[in-house]
Amino acid sequence: MPATPQARRRIPTGAASVLAALLAVAGCAVGPDFRRPAPPAVGGFVAPPVAEESGPPAPDTAQLASGEAVPATWWELFHYPALDDVLRQAIADNETLVAARATLAAAQEAETEARGAFWPQIDLAGNLSHEEVGSRSTTVSGGRSGGFNLYSVGPTVSYVPDVFGATRRGVEQAAALAEKQRYELAAAYLTLTGNAVTQSMTIASARMQLAAAEDIVADDQQNENLVRQKLEAGKAAEVDVLTAESQLATDRAQIPPLRQQLSVARHALAILVGRFPADWSAPEFDLAAFALPGELPLSLPSEVARQRPDVLAAEAQLHADSAAIGVATAQLYPTITLSASVNAESLANNFAFPGANAVSDLAAGVTAPLFHGGALLAQRRGAIDTFQGTLATYRQTVLAAFQQVADTLRALEHDSELVDAERHALDTSDRARVLQRVSYEEGKSDLLQLLDAERVYQQARLGYARAQAQRLQDTTQLLVALGGGWWGSPVGSDASVVSSR
């Protein structure tokens, strides 16, 4: 005969006392409370230059606006509309960003799943059992035995009170991991925009170098024709013709690598905008059309650790590992389980039958760890060790971030000096080349002197193109190293939305 509802609801007095005592400490989450690491207490990114390194600044050195924030669309500082169009396409269609948004959405769902443990779990259960009535002796002697089917259906409720904060620490951990994915999305956005701008500048640089190399080859052909004319006139030796041909062949050999560099940059940019190289053509970027920003924003050192996504992602991971210590610590304490069920039981499958009974259960259980072979303590110690390792990784990430900013700031100083020197070398070598050509045509100098002047000019022209491109790319690297203004971009405001295209 089923137990009465009153009997099913009865809870032993001792268990009730333990339950009351455990619930009295509810609200106390074991484990450490996370505190954000303080930003680095440094006054600048680079040390003052020593005496032998100091000197007058280059005439076109960009001015640094200390304390200014990097704009979200930082590439617009170069004032190149074609570049703006490419960046819009990349942000809209890049597959890496789509994947990062989906990963963030999954992490946010995991956080929602973890929060579900705060609520009672309600299910609907149904059961069918068959019972026989009668003894074996009665059956053998000819008596009849009987049986019946017992149907039951009803809701069940289970709830685990978060007495020691295991659930809260688990939710805290899941939220921190979701936050990390948000910063990973920002890092992917920053990497994408930085690479797209860099590849665009590489295209412009390769085109400029290729044009210079083709002009040099044209000059070499002119030199060869000039030598042949002098040979026919009896004013040059055949060895001079061979020397001119050798120089022409050497300079022609520089063109295929530049064309390959240009093709690779175009293909890389196509992939960044989410297109196949055969279906999309990069703009014909002109290096001279990129405007060098006259003033560059320079965040304060204390702000870099609060705005770079890689540093923030490392901090979020540190938070998650701190919460994991609390989860492991809570495993050392008892766990309370409350459960209840209300079932309608009937001998027929029609629960509207007058003989149906309502049977309810209410139970409470306590499980306390006694001996697990040291596994629980080892789990907690491992969580602490993981936190210490993540803390060191966070500090190293901050150091690397400051190194990147410092390297780029010094690079910009040296880039300005290099561009100025290359410009002077180009002007000087060009004048020397023109004078040497006139001198050779007038018979006042030999071919080797002309070829040497041509070679110096060639190197100066290519060097000037590379120096200009390097300065633009280092400017890009500085803006990216400072965080690239991602917090004002779509990934900063809509990071929780998965892109649908």
Foldseek 3Di string as FASTA:
>chain_A
DDDAQVVQADDDPVVVVVVVVLQVLAPAQDFDDDDFDAFDPDFDLDDDDDPVPDDDFFPQFAAEDEADAQALPNQCLQVDVLLVVLLVLLVQAAVVLLVLLVVLLVLVVVLVVLVVLQDKDKDKDKDKDKDKADDPVCVVVPHDIGMFMKIKIWMKIKHWRCSHCLSVLVSQLSVLLSQLSLLVSLLVSLVLSLLLVLLLLLLQLLVLLLVLLVVLLVVLVVLLVLQVVCVVVVNHDVVLNVVSVVLSVVSVVVNVVSVVSNLVSQQVSCNSSPHGSVVDGRDNDHLVSGHDRNYHYDYTSSCLCVFASVLSSLSSNLSSLSSQLSNLVCLQAKIKMKMKIWMWMDRDPDSVPPPIDIHMHIDMDIDHDDDDPCPSVVSNVVSVVVSVVSVVVSVVVSVVLSVLLSVLVVVSSVLSVQLVVLVVQLVVLVVLLVVVVVCVSVVNDDSVSNSVSSVSNSVSSSSNSVSSSSNVSSSSSNCSSSNSNSCPPCSNVVSNDNDDD
